[in-house]
Protein backbone atom coordinates (compact mmCIF):
# COMPACT_ATOMS: atom_id res chain seq x y z
CA MET A 1 -0.96 13.04 -44.44
CA ARG A 2 1.34 12.92 -40.72
CA LYS A 3 -1.80 12.19 -38.83
CA ILE A 4 -1.92 9.21 -41.13
CA SER A 5 1.19 8.11 -41.01
CA SER A 6 1.23 8.48 -36.78
CA ALA A 7 -1.97 6.24 -36.89
CA VAL A 8 -0.26 3.39 -39.13
CA VAL A 9 2.59 3.51 -37.41
CA ALA A 10 0.98 3.22 -33.99
CA PHE A 11 -1.02 0.57 -35.51
CA LEU A 12 1.37 -1.31 -37.17
CA SER A 13 3.49 -1.16 -33.54
CA VAL A 14 0.45 -2.70 -31.75
CA ALA A 15 -0.06 -5.58 -34.46
CA VAL A 16 3.77 -6.66 -34.31
CA TRP A 17 3.81 -6.50 -30.51
CA SER A 18 0.45 -8.75 -30.55
CA MET A 19 2.08 -11.29 -33.02
CA PHE A 20 5.03 -11.64 -30.88
CA SER A 21 3.50 -11.06 -27.33
CA PRO A 22 2.94 -15.59 -27.56
CA VAL A 23 6.40 -15.84 -28.45
CA ALA A 24 7.89 -13.66 -25.95
CA ALA A 25 5.61 -14.97 -23.15
CA GLN A 26 7.11 -18.68 -23.97
CA SER A 27 10.52 -17.10 -23.50
CA TYR A 28 9.56 -15.42 -20.42
CA PRO A 29 11.74 -14.62 -18.53
CA ASP A 30 14.94 -14.11 -20.39
CA ARG A 31 16.22 -11.11 -18.25
CA PRO A 32 16.25 -9.21 -14.83
CA ILE A 33 12.20 -8.43 -13.54
CA ARG A 34 12.34 -4.86 -11.89
CA ILE A 35 9.97 -4.50 -9.04
CA ILE A 36 9.09 -0.83 -8.50
CA ASN A 37 8.85 0.39 -4.92
CA PRO A 38 6.85 3.64 -4.89
CA PHE A 39 7.74 4.33 -1.41
CA SER A 40 10.89 4.86 1.13
CA PRO A 41 13.31 1.57 1.43
CA GLY A 42 12.41 0.43 4.57
CA GLY A 43 8.88 0.42 4.78
CA SER A 44 6.12 -2.42 4.61
CA SER A 45 6.21 -2.08 0.31
CA ASP A 46 9.89 -2.43 0.36
CA THR A 47 10.08 -5.11 2.62
CA LEU A 48 7.55 -6.87 0.84
CA ALA A 49 8.79 -6.73 -2.44
CA ARG A 50 12.06 -7.83 -1.26
CA THR A 51 11.12 -10.75 0.03
CA VAL A 52 8.61 -11.65 -3.01
CA GLY A 53 11.61 -10.82 -5.00
CA GLN A 54 14.25 -13.09 -3.05
CA TYR A 55 12.13 -16.31 -3.67
CA LEU A 56 10.49 -15.00 -7.57
CA GLN A 57 13.80 -15.44 -8.60
CA GLU A 58 14.80 -18.63 -7.89
CA ARG A 59 11.43 -19.84 -9.38
CA LEU A 60 11.86 -17.86 -12.60
CA GLY A 61 15.64 -17.93 -12.98
CA GLN A 62 16.23 -14.57 -13.44
CA PRO A 63 17.51 -12.02 -10.76
CA VAL A 64 14.64 -9.98 -9.09
CA LEU A 65 15.72 -6.57 -8.42
CA VAL A 66 13.52 -4.17 -5.94
CA GLU A 67 14.13 -0.26 -6.90
CA SER A 68 12.75 2.70 -5.30
CA ARG A 69 11.13 5.48 -6.90
CA THR A 70 9.39 7.85 -4.31
CA GLY A 71 7.31 10.74 -4.70
CA ALA A 72 4.04 12.42 -4.60
CA GLY A 73 2.76 9.69 -1.77
CA GLY A 74 3.55 6.79 -3.85
CA VAL A 75 2.59 8.53 -7.80
CA ILE A 76 5.81 9.12 -8.99
CA GLY A 77 6.55 5.62 -8.80
CA ALA A 78 3.11 4.05 -10.31
CA ASP A 79 3.61 6.00 -13.21
CA ALA A 80 6.81 4.77 -13.94
CA VAL A 81 5.31 1.73 -14.15
CA ALA A 82 1.90 2.30 -15.91
CA LYS A 83 4.02 4.19 -19.00
CA SER A 84 6.56 0.81 -18.83
CA PRO A 85 6.93 -1.52 -22.28
CA PRO A 86 4.40 -3.81 -21.19
CA ASP A 87 6.94 -6.41 -21.46
CA GLY A 88 6.44 -8.01 -17.48
CA TYR A 89 9.83 -6.68 -16.97
CA THR A 90 8.75 -3.55 -14.86
CA LEU A 91 6.46 -4.33 -12.11
CA LEU A 92 4.27 -1.86 -9.41
CA GLU A 93 4.24 -3.06 -5.82
CA GLY A 94 1.25 -1.49 -5.21
CA THR A 95 -0.83 -0.87 -2.61
CA SER A 96 -4.29 0.75 -0.79
CA PHE A 97 -2.65 4.10 -2.03
CA LEU A 98 -3.57 3.86 -5.26
CA PRO A 99 -7.72 3.50 -5.37
CA LEU A 100 -6.76 6.64 -2.47
CA ALA A 101 -4.96 8.81 -5.15
CA VAL A 102 -7.61 8.60 -7.55
CA HIS A 103 -9.65 11.07 -4.83
CA THR A 104 -6.66 12.90 -3.54
CA HIS A 105 -5.48 14.59 -6.65
CA LYS A 106 -7.22 16.27 -9.07
CA THR A 107 -5.31 14.81 -11.93
CA LEU A 108 -3.01 11.99 -12.11
CA PRO A 109 -0.40 10.86 -14.85
CA PHE A 110 -1.61 8.01 -15.40
CA ASP A 111 -5.28 6.20 -15.20
CA LEU A 112 -5.57 3.30 -12.54
CA LEU A 113 -8.11 1.23 -14.54
CA LYS A 114 -6.49 1.66 -17.88
CA ASP A 115 -3.12 2.28 -17.97
CA LEU A 116 -2.12 -0.79 -15.01
CA VAL A 117 -3.30 -4.27 -15.34
CA PRO A 118 -3.88 -6.75 -12.03
CA VAL A 119 -1.25 -9.21 -11.17
CA THR A 120 -1.70 -10.78 -7.59
CA LEU A 121 -3.14 -9.66 -4.59
CA ILE A 122 -0.48 -10.40 -1.50
CA GLY A 123 -2.17 -9.71 1.33
CA GLY A 124 -2.76 -6.88 3.87
CA THR A 125 -1.75 -5.30 7.22
CA SER A 126 -3.70 -4.08 9.83
CA MET A 127 -2.99 -0.64 11.13
CA LEU A 128 -1.53 0.57 14.87
CA LEU A 129 -2.29 3.51 16.62
CA VAL A 130 0.69 4.71 19.05
CA ALA A 131 1.48 7.62 21.44
CA ASN A 132 4.50 8.91 22.61
CA PRO A 133 5.15 7.07 25.89
CA ASN A 134 4.95 10.57 27.70
CA LEU A 135 0.89 11.27 26.08
CA PRO A 136 -0.66 10.46 29.09
CA VAL A 137 -3.04 7.91 27.23
CA LYS A 138 -3.08 4.32 27.59
CA THR A 139 -6.19 3.30 26.05
CA MET A 140 -8.30 4.39 23.02
CA SER A 141 -10.71 5.66 26.02
CA GLU A 142 -8.42 7.70 27.63
CA LEU A 143 -7.52 9.36 23.90
CA ILE A 144 -11.05 10.38 22.81
CA ALA A 145 -11.36 12.06 25.90
CA LEU A 146 -8.08 13.38 25.71
CA ALA A 147 -9.24 14.47 22.21
CA LYS A 148 -12.09 15.49 22.81
CA SER A 149 -11.25 17.76 26.15
CA LYS A 150 -8.75 19.51 23.94
CA PRO A 151 -10.25 20.16 20.25
CA GLY A 152 -7.82 21.45 17.51
CA GLU A 153 -4.56 21.16 20.29
CA LEU A 154 -3.64 17.08 19.36
CA ASN A 155 -2.06 15.90 16.51
CA TYR A 156 -0.86 12.68 15.04
CA ALA A 157 1.84 12.41 12.15
CA SER A 158 1.13 9.97 8.72
CA PRO A 159 3.25 9.39 5.78
CA GLY A 160 1.65 11.64 3.67
CA THR A 161 -1.65 13.45 2.68
CA GLY A 162 -4.24 11.20 1.26
CA THR A 163 -2.10 7.56 2.32
CA PRO A 164 -4.21 4.84 3.74
CA ASN A 165 -3.25 5.79 7.19
CA HIS A 166 -3.81 9.59 7.24
CA LEU A 167 -7.37 8.81 5.70
CA ALA A 168 -8.03 6.38 8.22
CA MET A 169 -7.33 8.73 10.71
CA GLU A 170 -9.97 11.48 9.51
CA LEU A 171 -12.36 7.95 9.47
CA LEU A 172 -11.40 8.37 12.74
CA ASN A 173 -12.09 11.75 13.41
CA GLU A 174 -15.18 12.21 11.67
CA GLN A 175 -16.44 8.73 13.27
CA LEU A 176 -16.05 10.14 16.90
CA GLY A 177 -16.57 13.51 16.08
CA LEU A 178 -12.76 14.44 17.20
CA LYS A 179 -10.86 17.36 15.68
CA MET A 180 -7.31 15.82 15.79
CA GLY A 181 -4.83 17.84 13.51
CA HIS A 182 -2.93 16.26 10.86
CA VAL A 183 0.90 16.41 10.04
CA PRO A 184 2.13 14.89 7.26
CA TYR A 185 5.43 13.17 6.59
CA ARG A 186 7.28 11.93 3.30
CA SER A 187 7.33 8.72 4.66
CA ASN A 188 5.89 5.93 7.73
CA PRO A 189 9.97 5.95 9.29
CA LEU A 190 10.57 9.73 9.37
CA ALA A 191 6.62 10.04 11.12
CA MET A 192 7.79 7.38 13.61
CA ASN A 193 10.97 8.54 14.15
CA ASP A 194 9.21 12.42 15.50
CA VAL A 195 7.04 10.59 16.98
CA ILE A 196 9.35 8.47 19.33
CA ALA A 197 10.96 11.92 19.23
CA GLY A 198 7.97 13.69 20.98
CA HIS A 199 7.92 16.11 18.20
CA VAL A 200 4.25 14.76 17.71
CA PRO A 201 2.43 12.79 19.68
CA LEU A 202 0.50 9.95 17.88
CA LEU A 203 0.69 8.16 14.49
CA LEU A 204 -1.13 5.35 12.64
CA ASP A 205 1.41 3.05 11.25
CA PHE A 206 1.08 -0.47 9.86
CA VAL A 207 1.37 -3.24 12.21
CA SER A 208 4.21 -4.75 10.13
CA THR A 209 6.58 -1.29 10.75
CA GLY A 210 4.76 -0.24 14.20
CA ALA A 211 5.18 -3.11 15.86
CA PRO A 212 8.97 -3.82 16.54
CA HIS A 213 8.72 -0.06 18.11
CA VAL A 214 5.69 -0.99 20.49
CA GLN A 215 7.76 -4.20 21.36
CA ARG A 216 11.13 -2.20 22.23
CA GLY A 217 8.99 0.58 24.27
CA THR A 218 9.58 3.56 22.04
CA VAL A 219 6.47 3.45 21.42
CA ARG A 220 2.79 2.94 23.27
CA ALA A 221 0.13 0.69 20.94
CA LEU A 222 -3.22 1.83 22.13
CA ALA A 223 -5.06 -0.23 19.03
CA THR A 224 -5.57 -1.87 16.16
CA THR A 225 -7.57 -1.73 13.18
CA GLY A 226 -8.32 -5.29 11.92
CA ARG A 227 -11.48 -7.38 12.80
CA THR A 228 -9.76 -9.38 15.25
CA ARG A 229 -6.14 -8.89 16.84
CA ALA A 230 -2.64 -8.87 15.21
CA LYS A 231 -0.84 -11.96 16.05
CA VAL A 232 2.24 -9.91 16.52
CA LEU A 233 0.47 -7.90 19.14
CA PRO A 234 -1.78 -10.31 20.83
CA ASP A 235 -2.33 -8.16 23.73
CA VAL A 236 -3.42 -5.10 22.27
CA PRO A 237 -6.84 -4.82 21.47
CA THR A 238 -8.86 -3.68 18.14
CA MET A 239 -10.62 -0.57 17.62
CA MET A 240 -14.19 -2.60 18.25
CA GLU A 241 -12.97 -3.93 21.34
CA SER A 242 -11.75 -0.79 22.65
CA GLY A 243 -15.35 1.41 21.90
CA VAL A 244 -14.88 2.42 18.13
CA PRO A 245 -17.97 0.15 16.95
CA GLY A 246 -17.75 -0.79 13.31
CA TYR A 247 -14.18 0.98 12.80
CA GLU A 248 -12.13 -1.71 10.53
CA THR A 249 -9.64 -0.72 7.99
CA ARG A 250 -5.95 -2.11 6.75
CA ALA A 251 -3.87 -1.62 3.78
CA TRP A 252 -3.47 -4.49 1.05
CA PHE A 253 -0.38 -5.18 -1.20
CA ALA A 254 -0.60 -6.23 -4.80
CA ILE A 255 1.30 -6.23 -7.65
CA PHE A 256 0.59 -4.80 -10.92
CA ALA A 257 1.82 -4.82 -14.52
CA PRO A 258 1.45 -2.11 -17.30
CA SER A 259 -1.74 -2.21 -19.74
CA GLY A 260 -1.06 -4.07 -22.39
CA THR A 261 1.39 -7.43 -20.72
CA PRO A 262 0.76 -10.52 -22.53
CA LYS A 263 -2.10 -12.76 -20.19
CA GLU A 264 0.56 -15.58 -21.00
CA ILE A 265 3.07 -13.59 -18.56
CA ILE A 266 0.72 -12.01 -16.04
CA ALA A 267 -0.50 -15.92 -15.84
CA LYS A 268 3.23 -16.73 -15.46
CA LEU A 269 3.68 -14.00 -12.53
CA HIS A 270 0.43 -14.93 -10.97
CA SER A 271 1.61 -18.35 -10.45
CA GLY A 272 5.35 -18.05 -9.42
CA ILE A 273 3.96 -15.21 -6.77
CA ALA A 274 1.39 -17.31 -5.54
CA ALA A 275 3.80 -20.08 -5.17
CA VAL A 276 6.49 -18.04 -3.38
CA LEU A 277 3.84 -16.62 -0.75
CA ALA A 278 2.61 -20.64 -0.33
CA MET A 279 6.22 -21.43 1.22
CA PRO A 280 6.29 -21.95 5.03
CA VAL A 281 9.54 -19.47 5.12
CA VAL A 282 7.53 -17.63 3.62
CA GLN A 283 4.34 -17.45 5.54
CA GLU A 284 6.53 -17.11 8.80
CA ARG A 285 8.20 -13.84 7.21
CA MET A 286 5.38 -12.48 6.57
CA ASP A 287 3.72 -13.15 9.92
CA THR A 288 6.76 -11.59 11.84
CA LEU A 289 5.96 -8.56 9.54
CA GLY A 290 2.26 -8.58 10.72
CA VAL A 291 1.23 -9.31 7.00
CA GLU A 292 -1.92 -11.59 6.45
CA LEU A 293 -1.57 -13.21 3.39
CA THR A 294 -4.94 -13.16 0.72
CA VAL A 295 -3.70 -14.15 -1.84
CA GLY A 296 -5.64 -13.23 -5.01
CA GLY A 297 -5.64 -13.63 -8.81
CA PRO A 298 -6.38 -10.60 -10.90
CA ASP A 299 -9.75 -10.50 -10.86
CA GLU A 300 -9.65 -10.56 -6.72
CA LEU A 301 -7.23 -7.85 -7.12
CA ALA A 302 -9.81 -5.85 -10.00
CA ALA A 303 -12.41 -6.27 -7.61
CA LEU A 304 -11.16 -5.00 -4.26
CA VAL A 305 -9.77 -1.91 -6.34
CA LYS A 306 -12.98 -0.68 -7.52
CA SER A 307 -14.40 -1.47 -4.48
CA ASP A 308 -12.27 1.10 -2.64
CA LEU A 309 -12.63 3.22 -4.83
CA GLU A 310 -16.19 3.57 -4.05
CA LYS A 311 -15.68 3.28 -0.62
CA TRP A 312 -13.12 6.12 0.23
CA GLY A 313 -14.20 8.93 -1.92
CA PRO A 314 -16.95 10.16 0.20
CA VAL A 315 -14.30 10.01 2.77
CA VAL A 316 -12.02 12.30 0.87
CA GLU A 317 -14.83 14.44 0.37
CA LYS A 318 -15.76 14.64 4.30
CA SER A 319 -12.37 15.36 4.92
CA GLY A 320 -12.49 18.64 3.14
CA MET A 321 -8.41 18.19 2.48
CA ALA A 322 -7.16 20.20 -0.38
CA LYS A 323 -6.68 17.95 -3.47
CA GLU A 324 -3.08 17.50 -4.94
């Protein structure tokens, strides 16, 4: 009887929500919206969320607050959103770490394809390989030669095991036959601090957060990972220009909501975010950050997630990394 009662309650809850969700969608939003940033404040994800939130609240007429929930390489923040009420008031600033986490963890507390629903693809950023100025290399050719002459002795930092930065470096190791060691940190800013201090010689940062350090001269840029050069660093060659054929990888940023969020709310959010990203002031801000806008709706974002799930599985397996 208890099982039957529980099933009835669950059924009625869904039925009631389905009955009132169109009404809720019409009045949405009538209170503040939270965007959960699953990474440390000050990083690319946080800056993007705050930029979008600043102008989205003007369009929606309600405050849009950004809250950082860090830990487990972004999993804690994503899980918090996945388990939130599907009412459009708790959103996730998701990045390309999401499909990676499926492969880098033995189990996840949420199902990426079932518990989160795509809202808007914002765009992406190339990555930027930087070196401490005291490392005796100025080009990728020189770095490759040094790494091959000292197998296992040269280390690189990353914002955490299983992050796009980590796996992109493992992809570089695999493609070039290198054996550079991995030193994980909890965030890009912490990793960058130690590269600047000379504790670790290399970091594959995002262009959006690494470019200012290059411009200040605290680190040396070796190459970017996009198909074309980054607008904010036009003098820095791409990996492909630097003798690493076919090497291209980038991180993407997007907004997700809990599964079950009414389609009307998803549509309203996507429309509002897309309008914000079309604003010249926001586009200028994104250019400054090194973020290339490639705005897409729920279908485009869903296709990207599935494509990355297929792409990174073999890389994780070949890296031999222990799953968390």
